[in-house]
């Protein structure tokens, strides 16, 4: 027996209508069967690496039954393999809302959260792909090509990036390179209609190129006939190089060699250098655009601010605290550029922020963020190493430093590991305190639900111990 889809009452498998509410069960069973059939077809296509076909079948299965958890989870996996992790996360979150318990989406979401920096890489790759499209629309095809190569370096399974790069190659007549890009896209999605269309165009051009290559020019006769009196003399035809080799004039050969060297320099070396310079300039422009998108101020702006501060320092003679603060701030900035984080932190601690003007405070904030980011990264890594080594006291000190700066670091993982370190170190009260914060701030995540269970277990164990005493 199964429950009625409308009122939830038990209904016999052979019943056409629900005996309680009269809802038509046969039509509902046909819809569910169609959904299951579409899911099975999508699963078969996914196993054959036909990702486009699998997306269509699984989307159809979800149209028939939006609560088909297996179909939604599989669609998320297909999106992830297709190079679209954002769409995959969307499907898994929806699946989790429909079925909170015993859902494979829990494992997938937790797996994604454990990959440090994955969200940043996804965001940066998406921004770069959108920037590449904007470059194409503006006619900056070289910049678009550079940006797409960076996208594929960060997300090699992004089929749309492979296809757009192939289009750029087709536009420039580079059919071999386009064929390689389309082959890479085909290995990811074997039955993508757009990839197949592009491949047909490229293969047609390659076949035509091979056909034209087979047509050879008529060769000249290798023998020369001339008449000497009444005799006809036949001798091999000499090329220009052979004539030079047989020549007795060494000076003529030297002059010819010098002329050839100059021509090689003019027609080969100089264009290559110009092309390399243009490529370097294009790459530098892309780097500048990327930095401008991810930061409010670039290196040139900071340099101008530092120069301005140096000029102001000369006017503050006799004000030791002000001048000293600016000198320490400049020292901290230079240490950040040299990646000496410890020296930068020491110099920054000697700066009196209240004495800085607006530009000085802006630089102070930039340097402080850079120092804090490196410090959190080092301490987080140190804390994990000490946990693995069983040094829980050392791990507590390291993780405390991290959450003092940012208690949401690594999506709350630092806070969770601090609570875990207190638990393993025997400090139950502190462990309950930090587990409670994780459970409150990350209630919809696996670590939040696990922390809530930890709090209940630790409180129960503590109450039991007090009762026994």
Protein backbone atom coordinates (compact mmCIF):
# COMPACT_ATOMS: atom_id res chain seq x y z
CA UNK A 1 0.00 0.00 0.00
CA UNK A 2 1.00 3.57 -0.68
CA UNK A 3 -0.12 6.92 0.68
CA UNK A 4 -2.46 9.17 -1.30
CA UNK A 5 -0.57 12.08 -2.83
CA UNK A 6 -3.42 14.47 -1.92
CA UNK A 7 -4.63 13.53 1.58
CA UNK A 8 -1.89 11.09 2.71
CA UNK A 9 -4.29 8.26 3.48
CA UNK A 10 -3.26 4.65 2.70
CA UNK A 11 -4.39 3.47 -0.75
CA UNK A 12 -4.23 0.00 -2.30
CA UNK A 13 -1.75 -0.38 -5.18
CA UNK A 14 -4.54 -1.44 -7.53
CA UNK A 15 -7.00 1.29 -6.50
CA UNK A 16 -7.85 3.87 -9.17
CA UNK A 17 -9.07 6.52 -6.73
CA UNK A 18 -8.44 7.29 -3.08
CA UNK A 19 -11.33 5.92 -0.97
CA UNK A 20 -11.08 8.90 1.40
CA UNK A 21 -10.67 11.99 -0.82
CA UNK A 22 -11.40 10.59 -4.30
CA UNK A 23 -8.13 11.80 -5.84
CA UNK A 24 -7.25 10.00 -9.09
CA UNK A 25 -4.30 7.72 -8.30
CA UNK A 26 -3.69 6.27 -11.75
CA UNK A 27 -2.69 9.60 -13.28
CA UNK A 28 -0.38 10.28 -10.35
CA UNK A 29 1.29 6.88 -10.72
CA UNK A 30 1.82 7.54 -14.45
CA UNK A 31 3.48 10.90 -13.66
CA UNK A 32 5.76 9.27 -11.07
CA UNK A 33 6.60 6.46 -13.52
CA UNK A 34 7.48 9.04 -16.22
CA UNK A 35 9.70 10.85 -13.75
CA UNK A 36 11.50 7.62 -12.83
CA UNK A 37 11.91 6.69 -16.50
CA UNK A 38 13.44 10.10 -17.28
CA UNK A 39 15.78 9.68 -14.27
CA UNK A 40 16.93 6.24 -15.46
CA UNK A 41 17.57 7.60 -18.94
CA UNK A 42 19.52 10.52 -17.49
CA UNK A 43 21.57 8.13 -15.36
CA UNK A 44 22.42 6.04 -18.43
CA UNK A 45 23.45 9.13 -20.39
CA UNK A 46 25.60 10.40 -17.52
CA UNK A 47 27.44 7.05 -17.42
CA UNK A 48 28.19 7.49 -21.15
CA UNK A 49 29.47 11.03 -20.47
CA UNK A 50 26.59 12.51 -22.47
CA UNK A 51 26.20 15.38 -20.01
CA UNK A 52 23.93 17.55 -22.19
CA UNK A 53 21.51 14.66 -22.73
CA UNK A 54 21.64 13.80 -19.02
CA UNK A 55 20.74 17.42 -18.11
CA UNK A 56 17.72 17.33 -20.41
CA UNK A 57 16.45 13.98 -19.05
CA UNK A 58 17.01 14.90 -15.40
CA UNK A 59 15.35 18.31 -15.85
CA UNK A 60 12.35 16.49 -17.37
CA UNK A 61 12.27 14.11 -14.39
CA UNK A 62 12.18 17.09 -12.01
CA UNK A 63 9.37 18.74 -14.00
CA UNK A 64 7.27 15.65 -13.39
CA UNK A 65 8.35 15.29 -9.74
CA UNK A 66 10.23 18.19 -8.19
CA UNK A 67 10.86 16.14 -5.01
CA UNK A 68 12.77 13.40 -6.86
CA UNK A 69 15.86 13.62 -4.63
CA UNK A 70 18.00 11.15 -6.59
CA UNK A 71 17.38 13.01 -9.86
CA UNK A 72 18.22 16.38 -8.29
CA UNK A 73 21.42 15.07 -6.66
CA UNK A 74 22.52 13.45 -9.93
CA UNK A 75 21.81 16.70 -11.81
CA UNK A 76 24.10 18.47 -9.34
CA UNK A 77 26.88 15.95 -10.05
CA UNK A 78 26.38 16.43 -13.81
CA UNK A 79 26.64 20.22 -13.41
CA UNK A 80 29.84 19.79 -11.38
CA UNK A 81 31.37 17.59 -14.09
CA UNK A 82 30.23 20.12 -16.73
CA UNK A 83 32.27 22.84 -14.99
CA UNK A 84 29.28 24.69 -13.48
CA UNK A 85 29.72 24.19 -9.69
CA UNK A 86 27.39 27.07 -8.77
CA UNK A 87 24.45 25.33 -10.48
CA UNK A 88 25.45 22.08 -8.75
CA UNK A 89 25.35 23.75 -5.32
CA UNK A 90 21.91 25.16 -6.13
CA UNK A 91 20.49 21.70 -6.88
CA UNK A 92 22.00 20.15 -3.74
CA UNK A 93 20.65 22.92 -1.49
CA UNK A 94 17.14 22.51 -2.97
CA UNK A 95 17.42 18.73 -2.52
CA UNK A 96 18.44 19.22 1.12
CA UNK A 97 15.41 21.43 1.76
CA UNK A 98 13.04 18.80 0.32
CA UNK A 99 14.68 15.90 2.20
CA UNK A 100 16.66 17.04 5.30
CA UNK A 101 17.46 13.53 6.59
CA UNK A 102 19.48 10.70 4.98
CA UNK A 103 20.25 12.74 1.88
CA UNK A 104 23.39 12.27 -0.24
CA UNK A 105 23.38 16.04 -0.81
CA UNK A 106 24.73 16.38 2.77
CA UNK A 107 27.89 14.53 1.76
CA UNK A 108 28.32 16.53 -1.46
CA UNK A 109 27.88 19.90 0.28
CA UNK A 110 30.26 18.92 3.08
CA UNK A 111 32.82 17.75 0.52
CA UNK A 112 32.64 21.12 -1.27
CA UNK A 113 32.97 23.05 2.01
CA UNK A 114 36.10 21.12 2.97
CA UNK A 115 37.91 22.18 -0.21
CA UNK A 116 39.69 25.28 1.00
CA UNK A 117 39.33 28.27 -1.32
CA UNK A 118 37.02 26.49 -3.77
CA UNK A 119 34.37 29.19 -3.60
CA UNK A 120 36.96 31.90 -4.30
CA UNK A 121 38.29 29.97 -7.31
CA UNK A 122 34.76 29.47 -8.64
CA UNK A 123 33.95 33.15 -8.21
CA UNK A 124 37.20 34.30 -9.86
CA UNK A 125 36.82 31.86 -12.78
CA UNK A 126 33.24 33.04 -13.40
CA UNK A 127 34.27 36.70 -13.27
CA UNK A 128 37.12 36.06 -15.70
CA UNK A 129 34.81 34.21 -18.12
CA UNK A 130 32.32 37.09 -18.04
CA UNK A 131 35.23 39.51 -18.61
CA UNK A 132 36.34 37.42 -21.61
CA UNK A 133 32.85 37.69 -23.11
CA UNK A 134 32.97 41.46 -22.60
CA UNK A 135 36.37 41.57 -24.34
CA UNK A 136 34.91 39.65 -27.31
CA UNK A 137 31.98 42.04 -27.54
CA UNK A 138 34.40 44.99 -27.55
CA UNK A 139 36.62 43.38 -30.19
CA UNK A 140 39.58 42.78 -27.84
CA UNK A 141 40.09 39.17 -28.94
CA UNK A 142 43.71 38.84 -27.72
CA UNK A 143 42.72 39.87 -24.20
CA UNK A 144 39.76 37.50 -24.33
CA UNK A 145 42.07 34.62 -25.32
CA UNK A 146 44.42 35.31 -22.40
CA UNK A 147 41.50 35.53 -19.98
CA UNK A 148 39.97 32.26 -21.23
CA UNK A 149 43.26 30.41 -20.77
CA UNK A 150 43.29 31.58 -17.15
CA UNK A 151 39.70 30.44 -16.70
CA UNK A 152 40.57 26.96 -18.00
CA UNK A 153 43.63 26.85 -15.78
CA UNK A 154 41.38 27.39 -12.73
CA UNK A 155 38.40 25.35 -14.01
CA UNK A 156 39.50 22.96 -16.82
CA UNK A 157 36.03 21.35 -17.04
CA UNK A 158 34.21 24.55 -18.04
CA UNK A 159 32.78 23.52 -21.43
CA UNK A 160 31.60 27.04 -22.31
CA UNK A 161 35.17 28.35 -21.97
CA UNK A 162 36.50 25.63 -24.31
CA UNK A 163 33.81 26.48 -26.87
CA UNK A 164 34.47 30.24 -26.75
CA UNK A 165 38.23 29.68 -27.11
CA UNK A 166 37.54 27.45 -30.14
CA UNK A 167 35.42 30.21 -31.68
CA UNK A 168 38.31 32.67 -31.31
CA UNK A 169 40.64 30.17 -33.03
CA UNK A 170 38.13 29.63 -35.86
CA UNK A 171 37.85 33.38 -36.34
CA UNK A 172 41.64 33.61 -36.79
CA UNK A 173 41.85 30.54 -39.02
CA UNK A 174 43.67 28.43 -36.40
CA UNK A 175 41.68 25.30 -37.06
CA UNK A 176 44.17 22.88 -35.46
CA UNK A 177 44.03 24.79 -32.14
CA UNK A 178 40.23 25.04 -32.42
CA UNK A 179 40.01 21.27 -32.97
CA UNK A 180 42.07 20.66 -29.81
CA UNK A 181 39.79 22.91 -27.74
CA UNK A 182 36.67 21.22 -29.11
CA UNK A 183 38.15 17.77 -28.49
CA UNK A 184 38.73 18.76 -24.84
CA UNK A 185 35.09 19.91 -24.61
CA UNK A 186 33.97 16.65 -26.25
CA UNK A 187 35.83 14.57 -23.67
CA UNK A 188 33.85 16.34 -20.94
CA UNK A 189 30.46 16.28 -22.74
CA UNK A 190 30.42 13.74 -25.54
CA UNK A 191 27.11 14.77 -27.13
CA UNK A 192 27.01 18.55 -26.82
CA UNK A 193 25.14 19.99 -29.83
CA UNK A 194 27.15 23.24 -29.94
CA UNK A 195 30.48 21.40 -29.76
CA UNK A 196 29.40 19.04 -32.55
CA UNK A 197 28.36 21.98 -34.75
CA UNK A 198 31.72 23.69 -34.28
CA UNK A 199 33.60 20.44 -34.93
CA UNK A 200 31.84 19.95 -38.26
CA UNK A 201 32.89 23.44 -39.34
CA UNK A 202 36.50 22.91 -38.23
CA UNK A 203 36.82 19.47 -39.84
CA UNK A 204 35.52 20.83 -43.14
CA UNK A 205 38.23 23.49 -43.17
CA UNK A 206 40.92 20.98 -42.16
CA UNK A 207 39.87 18.59 -44.95
CA UNK A 208 40.03 21.43 -47.48
CA UNK A 209 43.49 22.43 -46.22
CA UNK A 210 44.78 18.85 -46.58
CA UNK A 211 43.33 18.65 -50.10
CA UNK A 212 45.08 21.87 -51.15
CA UNK A 213 48.34 20.69 -49.60
CA UNK A 214 48.40 17.58 -51.82
CA UNK A 215 48.42 19.68 -54.98
CA UNK A 216 52.10 20.03 -55.90
CA UNK A 217 53.62 22.55 -58.25
CA UNK A 218 55.12 21.15 -61.51
CA UNK A 219 58.79 20.52 -61.06
CA UNK A 220 61.35 22.00 -63.38
CA UNK A 221 63.50 19.70 -65.44
CA UNK A 222 66.66 18.76 -63.59
CA UNK A 223 68.66 18.65 -66.88
CA UNK A 224 69.79 21.52 -69.15
CA UNK A 225 70.52 20.95 -72.88
CA UNK A 226 72.69 23.31 -74.97
CA UNK A 227 74.48 23.07 -78.34
CA UNK A 228 78.26 23.28 -78.73
CA UNK A 229 78.94 23.43 -82.44
CA UNK A 230 77.48 20.30 -83.93
CA UNK A 231 77.25 18.55 -80.52
CA UNK A 232 74.41 18.70 -78.02
CA UNK A 233 75.62 18.80 -74.42
CA UNK A 234 73.36 17.74 -71.53
CA UNK A 235 74.30 18.69 -67.95
CA UNK A 236 72.48 18.88 -64.57
CA UNK A 237 70.67 22.10 -63.75
CA UNK A 238 72.47 24.04 -61.02
CA UNK A 239 70.61 25.91 -58.29
CA UNK A 240 71.65 29.33 -57.10
CA UNK A 241 73.27 27.89 -53.98
CA UNK A 242 75.22 25.35 -56.03
CA UNK A 243 76.45 28.14 -58.28
CA UNK A 244 77.65 30.03 -55.21
CA UNK A 245 79.42 26.93 -53.89
CA UNK A 246 81.19 26.49 -57.21
CA UNK A 247 82.12 30.15 -57.36
CA UNK A 248 85.66 31.16 -56.70
CA UNK A 249 84.68 34.54 -55.25
CA UNK A 250 84.79 34.25 -51.44
CA UNK A 251 84.09 37.95 -51.00
CA UNK A 252 80.83 37.61 -52.93
CA UNK A 253 79.73 34.79 -50.60
CA UNK A 254 80.57 36.89 -47.55
CA UNK A 255 78.53 39.81 -48.87
CA UNK A 256 75.58 37.56 -49.64
CA UNK A 257 75.77 36.09 -46.12
CA UNK A 258 75.79 39.56 -44.57
CA UNK A 259 72.76 40.62 -46.61
CA UNK A 260 70.90 37.44 -45.61
CA UNK A 261 71.74 38.07 -41.93
CA UNK A 262 70.36 41.60 -42.12
CA UNK A 263 67.19 40.37 -43.83
CA UNK A 264 66.71 37.64 -41.21
CA UNK A 265 67.09 40.22 -38.46
CA UNK A 266 64.63 42.62 -40.11
CA UNK A 267 61.97 40.10 -41.14
CA UNK A 268 62.24 37.47 -38.38
CA UNK A 269 63.87 38.78 -35.20
CA UNK A 270 62.29 42.24 -35.08
CA UNK A 271 58.68 41.05 -35.71
CA UNK A 272 59.14 38.33 -33.08
CA UNK A 273 60.30 40.90 -30.54
CA UNK A 274 57.36 43.17 -31.40
CA UNK A 275 54.93 40.28 -31.07
CA UNK A 276 56.39 39.32 -27.71
CA UNK A 277 56.17 42.94 -26.53
CA UNK A 278 52.52 43.13 -27.62
CA UNK A 279 51.77 39.84 -25.85
CA UNK A 280 53.46 41.06 -22.66
CA UNK A 281 51.50 44.31 -22.84
CA UNK A 282 48.22 42.45 -23.29
CA UNK A 283 49.00 40.16 -20.37
CA UNK A 284 49.90 43.14 -18.21
CA UNK A 285 46.60 44.81 -19.10
CA UNK A 286 44.64 41.71 -18.11
CA UNK A 287 46.50 41.57 -14.79
CA UNK A 288 45.69 45.22 -14.16
CA UNK A 289 42.00 44.63 -14.89
CA UNK A 290 41.89 41.59 -12.59
CA UNK A 291 43.53 43.50 -9.75
CA UNK A 292 41.16 46.43 -10.23
CA UNK A 293 38.16 44.08 -9.99
CA UNK A 294 39.33 42.38 -6.78
CA UNK A 295 40.79 45.34 -4.87
CA UNK A 296 39.81 48.94 -4.27
CA UNK A 297 43.34 50.25 -4.83
CA UNK A 298 46.14 48.93 -7.02
CA UNK A 299 49.89 49.13 -6.60
CA UNK A 300 50.19 52.42 -8.52
CA UNK A 301 47.62 54.13 -6.29
CA UNK A 302 49.39 52.90 -3.15
CA UNK A 303 52.74 54.08 -4.51
CA UNK A 304 51.30 57.55 -5.12
CA UNK A 305 49.91 57.58 -1.60
CA UNK A 306 53.30 56.56 -0.18
CA UNK A 307 55.01 59.33 -2.18
CA UNK A 308 52.47 61.82 -0.83
CA UNK A 309 53.10 60.63 2.72
CA UNK A 310 56.86 60.95 2.26
CA UNK A 311 56.39 64.57 1.24
CA UNK A 312 54.21 65.20 4.29
CA UNK A 313 56.82 63.61 6.56
CA UNK A 314 59.25 66.40 5.70
CA UNK A 315 56.74 68.93 7.08
CA UNK A 316 56.43 67.17 10.43
CA UNK A 317 59.96 67.76 11.74
CA UNK A 318 59.87 68.05 15.51
CA UNK A 319 56.74 65.87 15.80
CA UNK A 320 58.47 62.59 16.58
CA UNK A 321 55.32 60.53 17.15
CA UNK A 322 53.70 61.51 13.85
CA UNK A 323 56.84 61.08 11.80
CA UNK A 324 57.73 57.84 13.55
CA UNK A 325 54.26 56.42 12.86
CA UNK A 326 54.54 57.22 9.17
CA UNK A 327 58.05 55.76 9.01
CA UNK A 328 56.86 52.52 10.64
CA UNK A 329 53.86 52.45 8.27
CA UNK A 330 56.17 52.75 5.24
CA UNK A 331 58.41 50.03 6.70
CA UNK A 332 55.37 47.76 7.16
CA UNK A 333 54.26 48.41 3.57
CA UNK A 334 57.73 47.53 2.21
CA UNK A 335 57.80 44.34 4.33
CA UNK A 336 54.42 43.29 2.91
CA UNK A 337 55.77 43.71 -0.62
CA UNK A 338 58.79 41.57 0.35
CA UNK A 339 56.41 38.98 1.95
CA UNK A 340 58.09 39.38 5.36
CA UNK A 341 54.87 39.14 7.38
CA UNK A 342 56.53 38.99 10.80
CA UNK A 343 58.51 42.19 10.24
CA UNK A 344 55.40 43.89 8.80
CA UNK A 345 53.38 42.95 11.90
CA UNK A 346 56.12 44.28 14.20
CA UNK A 347 56.32 47.58 12.32
CA UNK A 348 52.54 47.92 12.20
CA UNK A 349 52.27 47.47 15.98
CA UNK A 350 54.46 50.59 16.42
CA UNK A 351 52.12 52.79 14.34
CA UNK A 352 49.82 55.19 16.21
CA UNK A 353 46.77 55.08 13.96
CA UNK A 354 45.16 58.14 15.55
CA UNK A 355 48.00 60.34 14.23
CA UNK A 356 47.48 59.29 10.59
CA UNK A 357 45.50 61.32 8.08
CA UNK A 358 42.91 59.86 5.68
CA UNK A 359 45.46 58.47 3.17
CA UNK A 360 47.61 57.10 5.96
CA UNK A 361 44.66 55.30 7.56
CA UNK A 362 43.72 53.84 4.17
CA UNK A 363 47.23 52.40 3.74
CA UNK A 364 47.17 51.20 7.36
CA UNK A 365 43.95 49.27 6.69
CA UNK A 366 45.38 47.72 3.49
CA UNK A 367 48.59 46.62 5.23
CA UNK A 368 46.67 45.39 8.28
CA UNK A 369 44.36 43.26 6.11
CA UNK A 370 47.33 41.72 4.29
CA UNK A 371 49.15 40.98 7.57
CA UNK A 372 46.02 39.54 9.18
CA UNK A 373 45.26 37.35 6.14
CA UNK A 374 48.77 35.83 6.15
CA UNK A 375 48.72 35.43 9.94
CA UNK A 376 45.36 33.64 9.85
CA UNK A 377 46.56 31.33 7.09
CA UNK A 378 49.75 30.42 9.01
CA UNK A 379 48.01 29.97 12.36
CA UNK A 380 45.20 27.90 10.84
CA UNK A 381 47.73 25.60 9.23
CA UNK A 382 49.73 25.45 12.48
CA UNK A 383 46.59 24.61 14.46
CA UNK A 384 45.71 21.70 12.17
CA UNK A 385 49.26 20.34 12.35
CA UNK A 386 49.26 20.49 16.17
CA UNK A 387 45.87 18.74 16.29
CA UNK A 388 47.22 15.94 14.11
CA UNK A 389 50.26 15.70 16.43
CA UNK A 390 48.07 15.58 19.56
CA UNK A 391 49.27 18.97 20.89
CA UNK A 392 45.79 20.31 21.67
CA UNK A 393 47.04 23.16 23.88
CA UNK A 394 49.16 24.46 21.01
CA UNK A 395 46.25 24.03 18.62
CA UNK A 396 44.02 26.07 20.96
CA UNK A 397 46.50 28.97 20.97
CA UNK A 398 46.77 28.89 17.16
CA UNK A 399 43.01 28.76 16.51
CA UNK A 400 42.37 31.47 19.13
CA UNK A 401 44.63 33.79 17.16
CA UNK A 402 42.62 33.06 14.00
CA UNK A 403 39.13 33.64 15.45
CA UNK A 404 40.30 36.74 17.28
CA UNK A 405 40.81 38.29 13.85
CA UNK A 406 37.90 36.60 12.02
CA UNK A 407 35.66 34.02 13.72
CA UNK A 408 34.13 33.10 10.31
CA UNK A 409 37.48 32.00 8.81
CA UNK A 410 37.20 29.05 6.39
CA UNK A 411 33.40 29.17 6.73
CA UNK A 412 33.57 28.60 10.50
CA UNK A 413 36.02 25.68 10.32
CA UNK A 414 38.57 27.44 12.58
CA UNK A 415 35.88 27.99 15.24
CA UNK A 416 34.76 24.35 15.00
CA UNK A 417 38.34 23.04 15.32
CA UNK A 418 38.91 25.29 18.36
CA UNK A 419 35.89 23.72 20.05
CA UNK A 420 37.15 20.26 19.09
CA UNK A 421 40.62 21.07 20.54
CA UNK A 422 39.07 22.17 23.86
CA UNK A 423 37.03 18.95 23.95
CA UNK A 424 40.07 16.73 23.37
CA UNK A 425 42.10 18.80 25.87
CA UNK A 426 39.50 18.09 28.59
CA UNK A 427 38.07 21.63 28.90
CA UNK A 428 34.35 20.78 28.57
CA UNK A 429 33.01 24.24 29.42
CA UNK A 430 35.04 25.98 26.73
CA UNK A 431 34.20 23.23 24.24
CA UNK A 432 30.44 23.69 24.91
CA UNK A 433 30.83 27.47 24.54
CA UNK A 434 32.41 27.29 21.09
CA UNK A 435 30.32 24.34 19.86
CA UNK A 436 27.22 26.37 20.78
CA UNK A 437 28.43 29.30 18.70
CA UNK A 438 29.09 27.04 15.69
CA UNK A 439 25.65 25.43 16.09
CA UNK A 440 24.01 28.87 16.18
CA UNK A 441 25.94 30.50 13.29
CA UNK A 442 25.99 27.48 10.94
CA UNK A 443 22.72 25.74 11.77
CA UNK A 444 22.04 24.83 8.12
CA UNK A 445 25.45 23.20 7.59
CA UNK A 446 26.73 19.80 8.62
CA UNK A 447 29.21 21.26 11.11
CA UNK A 448 26.39 23.23 12.78
CA UNK A 449 24.18 20.17 13.25
CA UNK A 450 27.16 18.11 14.44
CA UNK A 451 28.09 20.86 16.93
CA UNK A 452 24.55 20.87 18.35
CA UNK A 453 24.82 17.11 18.95
CA UNK A 454 28.24 17.62 20.58
CA UNK A 455 26.75 20.20 22.97
CA UNK A 456 24.01 17.79 24.04
CA UNK A 457 26.47 14.94 24.61
CA UNK A 458 28.96 17.08 26.56
CA UNK A 459 26.24 18.62 28.74
CA UNK A 460 24.80 15.19 29.47
CA UNK A 461 28.25 13.85 30.39
CA UNK A 462 28.92 16.87 32.61
CA UNK A 463 25.60 16.49 34.44
CA UNK A 464 26.26 12.79 34.95
CA UNK A 465 29.69 13.53 36.43
CA UNK A 466 28.23 16.09 38.86
CA UNK A 467 25.53 13.63 39.95
CA UNK A 468 28.06 10.89 40.64
CA UNK A 469 30.15 13.27 42.74
